[in-house]
PDB file of all heavy atoms in Angstrom:
ATOM      1  N   LEU A   1     -29.809  40.860 -23.006  1.00  0.00           N
ATOM      2  CA  LEU A   1     -29.463  39.899 -24.052  1.00  0.00           C
ATOM      3  C   LEU A   1     -30.737  39.158 -24.443  1.00  0.00           C
ATOM      4  O   LEU A   1     -31.538  38.781 -23.583  1.00  0.00           O
ATOM      5  CB  LEU A   1     -28.410  38.912 -23.551  1.00  0.00           C
ATOM      6  CG  LEU A   1     -27.811  37.947 -24.581  1.00  0.00           C
ATOM      7  CD1 LEU A   1     -26.993  38.714 -25.615  1.00  0.00           C
ATOM      8  CD2 LEU A   1     -26.939  36.907 -23.878  1.00  0.00           C
ATOM      9  N   ALA A   2     -30.938  38.966 -25.748  1.00  0.00           N
ATOM     10  CA  ALA A   2     -32.144  38.306 -26.238  1.00  0.00           C
ATOM     11  C   ALA A   2     -31.781  37.180 -27.195  1.00  0.00           C
ATOM     12  O   ALA A   2     -30.875  37.324 -28.026  1.00  0.00           O
ATOM     13  CB  ALA A   2     -33.058  39.305 -26.936  1.00  0.00           C
ATOM     14  N   GLY A   3     -32.500  36.066 -27.100  1.00  0.00           N
ATOM     15  CA  GLY A   3     -32.360  34.958 -28.039  1.00  0.00           C
ATOM     16  C   GLY A   3     -33.501  34.974 -29.042  1.00  0.00           C
ATOM     17  O   GLY A   3     -34.638  35.342 -28.710  1.00  0.00           O
ATOM     18  N   ILE A   4     -33.223  34.557 -30.290  1.00  0.00           N
ATOM     19  CA  ILE A   4     -34.187  34.644 -31.390  1.00  0.00           C
ATOM     20  C   ILE A   4     -34.246  33.313 -32.126  1.00  0.00           C
ATOM     21  O   ILE A   4     -33.207  32.709 -32.414  1.00  0.00           O
ATOM     22  CB  ILE A   4     -33.799  35.761 -32.382  1.00  0.00           C
ATOM     23  CG1 ILE A   4     -33.776  37.116 -31.678  1.00  0.00           C
ATOM     24  CG2 ILE A   4     -34.739  35.798 -33.572  1.00  0.00           C
ATOM     25  CD1 ILE A   4     -33.139  38.213 -32.517  1.00  0.00           C
ATOM     26  N   LEU A   5     -35.466  32.850 -32.440  1.00  0.00           N
ATOM     27  CA  LEU A   5     -35.689  31.690 -33.295  1.00  0.00           C
ATOM     28  C   LEU A   5     -36.753  32.052 -34.329  1.00  0.00           C
ATOM     29  O   LEU A   5     -37.747  32.708 -34.001  1.00  0.00           O
ATOM     30  CB  LEU A   5     -36.159  30.483 -32.485  1.00  0.00           C
ATOM     31  CG  LEU A   5     -35.144  29.814 -31.555  1.00  0.00           C
ATOM     32  CD1 LEU A   5     -35.837  28.736 -30.729  1.00  0.00           C
ATOM     33  CD2 LEU A   5     -33.998  29.217 -32.346  1.00  0.00           C
ATOM     34  N   SER A   6     -36.560  31.608 -35.569  1.00  0.00           N
ATOM     35  CA  SER A   6     -37.517  31.915 -36.629  1.00  0.00           C
ATOM     36  C   SER A   6     -37.508  30.785 -37.655  1.00  0.00           C
ATOM     37  O   SER A   6     -36.442  30.299 -38.035  1.00  0.00           O
ATOM     38  CB  SER A   6     -37.155  33.245 -37.304  1.00  0.00           C
ATOM     39  OG  SER A   6     -38.018  33.523 -38.380  1.00  0.00           O
ATOM     40  N   THR A   7     -38.701  30.385 -38.097  1.00  0.00           N
ATOM     41  CA  THR A   7     -38.826  29.318 -39.098  1.00  0.00           C
ATOM     42  C   THR A   7     -39.981  29.646 -40.030  1.00  0.00           C
ATOM     43  O   THR A   7     -41.031  30.119 -39.590  1.00  0.00           O
ATOM     44  CB  THR A   7     -39.099  27.960 -38.433  1.00  0.00           C
ATOM     45  OG1 THR A   7     -38.015  27.622 -37.566  1.00  0.00           O
ATOM     46  CG2 THR A   7     -39.232  26.858 -39.474  1.00  0.00           C
ATOM     47  N   ARG A   8     -39.762  29.369 -41.319  1.00  0.00           N
ATOM     48  CA  ARG A   8     -40.857  29.431 -42.285  1.00  0.00           C
ATOM     49  C   ARG A   8     -40.823  28.150 -43.109  1.00  0.00           C
ATOM     50  O   ARG A   8     -39.825  27.857 -43.766  1.00  0.00           O
ATOM     51  CB  ARG A   8     -40.749  30.649 -43.184  1.00  0.00           C
ATOM     52  CG  ARG A   8     -41.997  30.856 -44.049  1.00  0.00           C
ATOM     53  CD  ARG A   8     -42.124  32.286 -44.482  1.00  0.00           C
ATOM     54  NE  ARG A   8     -43.427  32.592 -45.028  1.00  0.00           N
ATOM     55  CZ  ARG A   8     -43.905  33.818 -45.139  1.00  0.00           C
ATOM     56  NH1 ARG A   8     -43.184  34.846 -44.714  1.00  0.00           N
ATOM     57  NH2 ARG A   8     -45.088  34.042 -45.662  1.00  0.00           N
ATOM     58  N   GLU A   9     -41.918  27.398 -43.045  1.00  0.00           N
ATOM     59  CA  GLU A   9     -42.019  26.143 -43.773  1.00  0.00           C
ATOM     60  C   GLU A   9     -43.059  26.293 -44.869  1.00  0.00           C
ATOM     61  O   GLU A   9     -44.232  26.583 -44.604  1.00  0.00           O
ATOM     62  CB  GLU A   9     -42.412  24.997 -42.847  1.00  0.00           C
ATOM     63  CG  GLU A   9     -42.505  23.651 -43.562  1.00  0.00           C
ATOM     64  CD  GLU A   9     -42.878  22.515 -42.634  1.00  0.00           C
ATOM     65  OE1 GLU A   9     -43.204  22.796 -41.465  1.00  0.00           O
ATOM     66  OE2 GLU A   9     -42.847  21.351 -43.074  1.00  0.00           O
ATOM     67  N   TRP A  10     -42.632  26.101 -46.116  1.00  0.00           N
ATOM     68  CA  TRP A  10     -43.535  26.201 -47.247  1.00  0.00           C
ATOM     69  C   TRP A  10     -44.282  24.885 -47.432  1.00  0.00           C
ATOM     70  O   TRP A  10     -43.906  23.853 -46.863  1.00  0.00           O
ATOM     71  CB  TRP A  10     -42.751  26.576 -48.506  1.00  0.00           C
ATOM     72  CG  TRP A  10     -42.067  27.900 -48.347  1.00  0.00           C
ATOM     73  CD1 TRP A  10     -40.776  28.115 -47.968  1.00  0.00           C
ATOM     74  CD2 TRP A  10     -42.661  29.178 -48.511  1.00  0.00           C
ATOM     75  NE1 TRP A  10     -40.505  29.458 -47.887  1.00  0.00           N
ATOM     76  CE2 TRP A  10     -41.657  30.144 -48.219  1.00  0.00           C
ATOM     77  CE3 TRP A  10     -43.921  29.628 -48.883  1.00  0.00           C
ATOM     78  CZ2 TRP A  10     -41.893  31.514 -48.294  1.00  0.00           C
ATOM     79  CZ3 TRP A  10     -44.163  30.988 -48.960  1.00  0.00           C
ATOM     80  CH2 TRP A  10     -43.159  31.908 -48.669  1.00  0.00           C
ATOM     81  N   SER A  11     -45.341  24.903 -48.250  1.00  0.00           N
ATOM     82  CA  SER A  11     -46.221  23.744 -48.370  1.00  0.00           C
ATOM     83  C   SER A  11     -45.510  22.515 -48.914  1.00  0.00           C
ATOM     84  O   SER A  11     -45.953  21.385 -48.702  1.00  0.00           O
ATOM     85  CB  SER A  11     -47.412  24.091 -49.271  1.00  0.00           C
ATOM     86  OG  SER A  11     -46.967  24.459 -50.565  1.00  0.00           O
ATOM     87  N   THR A  12     -44.402  22.723 -49.618  1.00  0.00           N
ATOM     88  CA  THR A  12     -43.648  21.584 -50.148  1.00  0.00           C
ATOM     89  C   THR A  12     -42.682  20.992 -49.132  1.00  0.00           C
ATOM     90  O   THR A  12     -41.960  20.045 -49.446  1.00  0.00           O
ATOM     91  CB  THR A  12     -42.862  22.028 -51.388  1.00  0.00           C
ATOM     92  OG1 THR A  12     -42.095  23.206 -51.068  1.00  0.00           O
ATOM     93  CG2 THR A  12     -43.800  22.341 -52.543  1.00  0.00           C
ATOM     94  N   GLY A  13     -42.646  21.568 -47.920  1.00  0.00           N
ATOM     95  CA  GLY A  13     -41.778  21.046 -46.878  1.00  0.00           C
ATOM     96  C   GLY A  13     -40.422  21.704 -46.793  1.00  0.00           C
ATOM     97  O   GLY A  13     -39.654  21.416 -45.873  1.00  0.00           O
ATOM     98  N   VAL A  14     -40.093  22.576 -47.728  1.00  0.00           N
ATOM     99  CA  VAL A  14     -38.813  23.277 -47.662  1.00  0.00           C
ATOM    100  C   VAL A  14     -38.931  24.410 -46.644  1.00  0.00           C
ATOM    101  O   VAL A  14     -40.019  24.943 -46.395  1.00  0.00           O
ATOM    102  CB  VAL A  14     -38.385  23.809 -49.046  1.00  0.00           C
ATOM    103  CG1 VAL A  14     -38.203  22.674 -50.015  1.00  0.00           C
ATOM    104  CG2 VAL A  14     -39.400  24.809 -49.576  1.00  0.00           C
ATOM    105  N   THR A  15     -37.792  24.794 -46.068  1.00  0.00           N
ATOM    106  CA  THR A  15     -37.822  25.759 -44.967  1.00  0.00           C
ATOM    107  C   THR A  15     -36.690  26.770 -45.094  1.00  0.00           C
ATOM    108  O   THR A  15     -35.669  26.525 -45.742  1.00  0.00           O
ATOM    109  CB  THR A  15     -37.670  25.057 -43.608  1.00  0.00           C
ATOM    110  OG1 THR A  15     -36.397  24.396 -43.557  1.00  0.00           O
ATOM    111  CG2 THR A  15     -38.779  24.056 -43.369  1.00  0.00           C
ATOM    112  N   THR A  16     -36.901  27.910 -44.434  1.00  0.00           N
ATOM    113  CA  THR A  16     -35.808  28.811 -44.073  1.00  0.00           C
ATOM    114  C   THR A  16     -35.868  28.951 -42.555  1.00  0.00           C
ATOM    115  O   THR A  16     -36.950  29.149 -41.988  1.00  0.00           O
ATOM    116  CB  THR A  16     -35.934  30.187 -44.746  1.00  0.00           C
ATOM    117  OG1 THR A  16     -37.185  30.795 -44.377  1.00  0.00           O
ATOM    118  CG2 THR A  16     -35.863  30.071 -46.251  1.00  0.00           C
ATOM    119  N   GLN A  17     -34.718  28.834 -41.927  1.00  0.00           N
ATOM    120  CA  GLN A  17     -34.648  28.876 -40.473  1.00  0.00           C
ATOM    121  C   GLN A  17     -33.588  29.880 -40.044  1.00  0.00           C
ATOM    122  O   GLN A  17     -32.612  30.121 -40.759  1.00  0.00           O
ATOM    123  CB  GLN A  17     -34.299  27.489 -39.917  1.00  0.00           C
ATOM    124  CG  GLN A  17     -35.314  26.414 -40.263  1.00  0.00           C
ATOM    125  CD  GLN A  17     -34.894  25.047 -39.768  1.00  0.00           C
ATOM    126  OE1 GLN A  17     -33.709  24.732 -39.707  1.00  0.00           O
ATOM    127  NE2 GLN A  17     -35.867  24.215 -39.417  1.00  0.00           N
ATOM    128  N   LEU A  18     -33.814  30.452 -38.850  1.00  0.00           N
ATOM    129  CA  LEU A  18     -32.874  31.442 -38.325  1.00  0.00           C
ATOM    130  C   LEU A  18     -32.792  31.311 -36.815  1.00  0.00           C
ATOM    131  O   LEU A  18     -33.806  31.061 -36.142  1.00  0.00           O
ATOM    132  CB  LEU A  18     -33.333  32.854 -38.714  1.00  0.00           C
ATOM    133  CG  LEU A  18     -32.477  34.029 -38.208  1.00  0.00           C
ATOM    134  CD1 LEU A  18     -32.337  35.099 -39.292  1.00  0.00           C
ATOM    135  CD2 LEU A  18     -33.103  34.668 -36.962  1.00  0.00           C
ATOM    136  N   ALA A  19     -31.597  31.472 -36.279  1.00  0.00           N
ATOM    137  CA  ALA A  19     -31.374  31.501 -34.834  1.00  0.00           C
ATOM    138  C   ALA A  19     -30.276  32.524 -34.554  1.00  0.00           C
ATOM    139  O   ALA A  19     -29.395  32.749 -35.388  1.00  0.00           O
ATOM    140  CB  ALA A  19     -30.975  30.123 -34.307  1.00  0.00           C
ATOM    141  N   GLY A  20     -30.336  33.119 -33.392  1.00  0.00           N
ATOM    142  CA  GLY A  20     -29.304  34.098 -33.054  1.00  0.00           C
ATOM    143  C   GLY A  20     -29.636  34.833 -31.782  1.00  0.00           C
ATOM    144  O   GLY A  20     -30.481  34.406 -30.982  1.00  0.00           O
ATOM    145  N   PHE A  21     -28.987  35.961 -31.589  1.00  0.00           N
ATOM    146  CA  PHE A  21     -29.200  36.761 -30.388  1.00  0.00           C
ATOM    147  C   PHE A  21     -28.934  38.227 -30.707  1.00  0.00           C
ATOM    148  O   PHE A  21     -28.241  38.565 -31.670  1.00  0.00           O
ATOM    149  CB  PHE A  21     -28.294  36.290 -29.238  1.00  0.00           C
ATOM    150  CG  PHE A  21     -26.824  36.431 -29.510  1.00  0.00           C
ATOM    151  CD1 PHE A  21     -26.151  37.622 -29.222  1.00  0.00           C
ATOM    152  CD2 PHE A  21     -26.100  35.382 -30.060  1.00  0.00           C
ATOM    153  CE1 PHE A  21     -24.791  37.750 -29.478  1.00  0.00           C
ATOM    154  CE2 PHE A  21     -24.743  35.505 -30.321  1.00  0.00           C
ATOM    155  CZ  PHE A  21     -24.088  36.702 -30.029  1.00  0.00           C
ATOM    156  N   ASP A  22     -29.513  39.085 -29.904  1.00  0.00           N
ATOM    157  CA  ASP A  22     -29.185  40.516 -29.954  1.00  0.00           C
ATOM    158  C   ASP A  22     -28.981  41.011 -28.537  1.00  0.00           C
ATOM    159  O   ASP A  22     -29.461  40.392 -27.568  1.00  0.00           O
ATOM    160  CB  ASP A  22     -30.266  41.327 -30.691  1.00  0.00           C
ATOM    161  CG  ASP A  22     -31.620  41.299 -29.995  1.00  0.00           C
ATOM    162  OD1 ASP A  22     -31.718  41.786 -28.855  1.00  0.00           O
ATOM    163  OD2 ASP A  22     -32.593  40.800 -30.599  1.00  0.00           O
ATOM    164  N   GLY A  23     -28.262  42.102 -28.392  1.00  0.00           N
ATOM    165  CA  GLY A  23     -27.955  42.612 -27.067  1.00  0.00           C
ATOM    166  C   GLY A  23     -27.723  44.103 -27.053  1.00  0.00           C
ATOM    167  O   GLY A  23     -27.543  44.735 -28.105  1.00  0.00           O
ATOM    168  N   GLN A  24     -27.739  44.641 -25.852  1.00  0.00           N
ATOM    169  CA  GLN A  24     -27.547  46.080 -25.660  1.00  0.00           C
ATOM    170  C   GLN A  24     -26.856  46.325 -24.329  1.00  0.00           C
ATOM    171  O   GLN A  24     -27.184  45.679 -23.327  1.00  0.00           O
ATOM    172  CB  GLN A  24     -28.903  46.790 -25.685  1.00  0.00           C
ATOM    173  CG  GLN A  24     -28.859  48.271 -25.365  1.00  0.00           C
ATOM    174  CD  GLN A  24     -30.245  48.892 -25.453  1.00  0.00           C
ATOM    175  OE1 GLN A  24     -30.993  48.668 -26.409  1.00  0.00           O
ATOM    176  NE2 GLN A  24     -30.612  49.669 -24.437  1.00  0.00           N
ATOM    177  N   VAL A  25     -25.877  47.239 -24.329  1.00  0.00           N
ATOM    178  CA  VAL A  25     -25.165  47.619 -23.115  1.00  0.00           C
ATOM    179  C   VAL A  25     -25.077  49.132 -23.064  1.00  0.00           C
ATOM    180  O   VAL A  25     -24.599  49.768 -24.016  1.00  0.00           O
ATOM    181  CB  VAL A  25     -23.741  47.019 -23.070  1.00  0.00           C
ATOM    182  CG1 VAL A  25     -23.022  47.479 -21.799  1.00  0.00           C
ATOM    183  CG2 VAL A  25     -23.781  45.508 -23.149  1.00  0.00           C
ATOM    184  N   ASP A  26     -25.565  49.726 -21.975  1.00  0.00           N
ATOM    185  CA  ASP A  26     -25.387  51.156 -21.731  1.00  0.00           C
ATOM    186  C   ASP A  26     -24.105  51.319 -20.921  1.00  0.00           C
ATOM    187  O   ASP A  26     -24.066  51.010 -19.724  1.00  0.00           O
ATOM    188  CB  ASP A  26     -26.578  51.726 -20.974  1.00  0.00           C
ATOM    189  CG  ASP A  26     -27.854  51.701 -21.805  1.00  0.00           C
ATOM    190  OD1 ASP A  26     -27.746  51.811 -23.037  1.00  0.00           O
ATOM    191  OD2 ASP A  26     -28.946  51.571 -21.222  1.00  0.00           O
ATOM    192  N   LEU A  27     -23.059  51.797 -21.585  1.00  0.00           N
ATOM    193  CA  LEU A  27     -21.770  51.938 -20.910  1.00  0.00           C
ATOM    194  C   LEU A  27     -21.834  52.996 -19.817  1.00  0.00           C
ATOM    195  O   LEU A  27     -21.210  52.856 -18.765  1.00  0.00           O
ATOM    196  CB  LEU A  27     -20.694  52.287 -21.938  1.00  0.00           C
ATOM    197  CG  LEU A  27     -20.525  51.281 -23.087  1.00  0.00           C
ATOM    198  CD1 LEU A  27     -19.486  51.783 -24.078  1.00  0.00           C
ATOM    199  CD2 LEU A  27     -20.147  49.907 -22.548  1.00  0.00           C
ATOM    200  N   ASP A  28     -22.546  54.069 -20.065  1.00  0.00           N
ATOM    201  CA  ASP A  28     -22.810  55.123 -19.092  1.00  0.00           C
ATOM    202  C   ASP A  28     -24.050  55.857 -19.577  1.00  0.00           C
ATOM    203  O   ASP A  28     -24.799  55.349 -20.413  1.00  0.00           O
ATOM    204  CB  ASP A  28     -21.595  56.056 -18.926  1.00  0.00           C
ATOM    205  CG  ASP A  28     -21.067  56.579 -20.263  1.00  0.00           C
ATOM    206  OD1 ASP A  28     -21.886  56.873 -21.158  1.00  0.00           O
ATOM    207  OD2 ASP A  28     -19.835  56.683 -20.418  1.00  0.00           O
ATOM    208  N   ASP A  29     -24.279  57.072 -19.087  1.00  0.00           N
ATOM    209  CA  ASP A  29     -25.508  57.780 -19.434  1.00  0.00           C
ATOM    210  C   ASP A  29     -25.540  58.258 -20.879  1.00  0.00           C
ATOM    211  O   ASP A  29     -26.614  58.600 -21.390  1.00  0.00           O
ATOM    212  CB  ASP A  29     -25.688  58.988 -18.501  1.00  0.00           C
ATOM    213  CG  ASP A  29     -26.040  58.563 -17.082  1.00  0.00           C
ATOM    214  OD1 ASP A  29     -26.500  57.417 -16.913  1.00  0.00           O
ATOM    215  OD2 ASP A  29     -25.849  59.362 -16.151  1.00  0.00           O
ATOM    216  N   VAL A  30     -24.388  58.302 -21.559  1.00  0.00           N
ATOM    217  CA  VAL A  30     -24.371  58.879 -22.913  1.00  0.00           C
ATOM    218  C   VAL A  30     -23.817  57.923 -23.962  1.00  0.00           C
ATOM    219  O   VAL A  30     -23.812  58.261 -25.146  1.00  0.00           O
ATOM    220  CB  VAL A  30     -23.570  60.203 -22.942  1.00  0.00           C
ATOM    221  CG1 VAL A  30     -24.236  61.252 -22.071  1.00  0.00           C
ATOM    222  CG2 VAL A  30     -22.121  59.977 -22.523  1.00  0.00           C
ATOM    223  N   ASN A  31     -23.354  56.737 -23.573  1.00  0.00           N
ATOM    224  CA  ASN A  31     -22.771  55.796 -24.528  1.00  0.00           C
ATOM    225  C   ASN A  31     -23.511  54.461 -24.471  1.00  0.00           C
ATOM    226  O   ASN A  31     -23.716  53.901 -23.389  1.00  0.00           O
ATOM    227  CB  ASN A  31     -21.288  55.567 -24.233  1.00  0.00           C
ATOM    228  CG  ASN A  31     -20.447  56.779 -24.560  1.00  0.00           C
ATOM    229  OD1 ASN A  31     -20.217  57.095 -25.728  1.00  0.00           O
ATOM    230  ND2 ASN A  31     -19.989  57.485 -23.521  1.00  0.00           N
ATOM    231  N   GLN A  32     -23.877  53.974 -25.647  1.00  0.00           N
ATOM    232  CA  GLN A  32     -24.628  52.728 -25.746  1.00  0.00           C
ATOM    233  C   GLN A  32     -24.049  51.865 -26.857  1.00  0.00           C
ATOM    234  O   GLN A  32     -23.731  52.359 -27.938  1.00  0.00           O
ATOM    235  CB  GLN A  32     -26.102  53.027 -26.037  1.00  0.00           C
ATOM    236  CG  GLN A  32     -26.986  51.807 -26.170  1.00  0.00           C
ATOM    237  CD  GLN A  32     -28.377  52.181 -26.656  1.00  0.00           C
ATOM    238  OE1 GLN A  32     -28.616  52.312 -27.843  1.00  0.00           O
ATOM    239  NE2 GLN A  32     -29.296  52.366 -25.715  1.00  0.00           N
ATOM    240  N   VAL A  33     -23.920  50.556 -26.598  1.00  0.00           N
ATOM    241  CA  VAL A  33     -23.451  49.589 -27.588  1.00  0.00           C
ATOM    242  C   VAL A  33     -24.578  48.591 -27.833  1.00  0.00           C
ATOM    243  O   VAL A  33     -25.193  48.083 -26.884  1.00  0.00           O
ATOM    244  CB  VAL A  33     -22.182  48.866 -27.109  1.00  0.00           C
ATOM    245  CG1 VAL A  33     -21.774  47.788 -28.097  1.00  0.00           C
ATOM    246  CG2 VAL A  33     -21.044  49.863 -26.917  1.00  0.00           C
ATOM    247  N   ARG A  34     -24.879  48.326 -29.109  1.00  0.00           N
ATOM    248  CA  ARG A  34     -25.915  47.364 -29.491  1.00  0.00           C
ATOM    249  C   ARG A  34     -25.365  46.449 -30.581  1.00  0.00           C
ATOM    250  O   ARG A  34     -24.410  46.817 -31.285  1.00  0.00           O
ATOM    251  CB  ARG A  34     -27.179  48.067 -30.005  1.00  0.00           C
ATOM    252  CG  ARG A  34     -27.819  49.000 -29.038  1.00  0.00           C
ATOM    253  CD  ARG A  34     -28.936  49.782 -29.715  1.00  0.00           C
ATOM    254  NE  ARG A  34     -30.029  48.930 -30.151  1.00  0.00           N
ATOM    255  CZ  ARG A  34     -30.999  49.338 -30.977  1.00  0.00           C
ATOM    256  NH1 ARG A  34     -30.981  50.565 -31.463  1.00  0.00           N
ATOM    257  NH2 ARG A  34     -31.974  48.507 -31.322  1.00  0.00           N
ATOM    258  N   GLY A  35     -25.992  45.305 -30.754  1.00  0.00           N
ATOM    259  CA  GLY A  35     -25.567  44.428 -31.836  1.00  0.00           C
ATOM    260  C   GLY A  35     -26.393  43.167 -31.895  1.00  0.00           C
ATOM    261  O   GLY A  35     -27.256  42.913 -31.050  1.00  0.00           O
ATOM    262  N   HIS A  36     -26.122  42.351 -32.933  1.00  0.00           N
ATOM    263  CA  HIS A  36     -26.760  41.048 -33.045  1.00  0.00           C
ATOM    264  C   HIS A  36     -25.866  40.106 -33.838  1.00  0.00           C
ATOM    265  O   HIS A  36     -24.965  40.520 -34.568  1.00  0.00           O
ATOM    266  CB  HIS A  36     -28.156  41.141 -33.678  1.00  0.00           C
ATOM    267  CG  HIS A  36     -28.181  41.575 -35.119  1.00  0.00           C
ATOM    268  ND1 HIS A  36     -29.129  42.435 -35.621  1.00  0.00           N
ATOM    269  CD2 HIS A  36     -27.396  41.276 -36.199  1.00  0.00           C
ATOM    270  CE1 HIS A  36     -28.927  42.639 -36.910  1.00  0.00           C
ATOM    271  NE2 HIS A  36     -27.878  41.934 -37.274  1.00  0.00           N
ATOM    272  N   PHE A  37     -26.143  38.819 -33.675  1.00  0.00           N
ATOM    273  CA  PHE A  37     -25.534  37.786 -34.507  1.00  0.00           C
ATOM    274  C   PHE A  37     -26.635  36.811 -34.882  1.00  0.00           C
ATOM    275  O   PHE A  37     -27.322  36.258 -34.013  1.00  0.00           O
ATOM    276  CB  PHE A  37     -24.407  37.041 -33.784  1.00  0.00           C
ATOM    277  CG  PHE A  37     -23.820  35.930 -34.621  1.00  0.00           C
ATOM    278  CD1 PHE A  37     -22.884  36.211 -35.604  1.00  0.00           C
ATOM    279  CD2 PHE A  37     -24.240  34.608 -34.452  1.00  0.00           C
ATOM    280  CE1 PHE A  37     -22.362  35.194 -36.402  1.00  0.00           C
ATOM    281  CE2 PHE A  37     -23.723  33.590 -35.239  1.00  0.00           C
ATOM    282  CZ  PHE A  37     -22.775  33.890 -36.224  1.00  0.00           C
TER     283      PHE A  37
END
């Protein structure tokens, strides 16, 4: 499981921000589940 943070601040002070997580589970040797929010 991984946590993510991201920010971009422009010179005028306005921003876009992002937070979330992604993950991966190997159910067995041939099946894998991945995703993010």
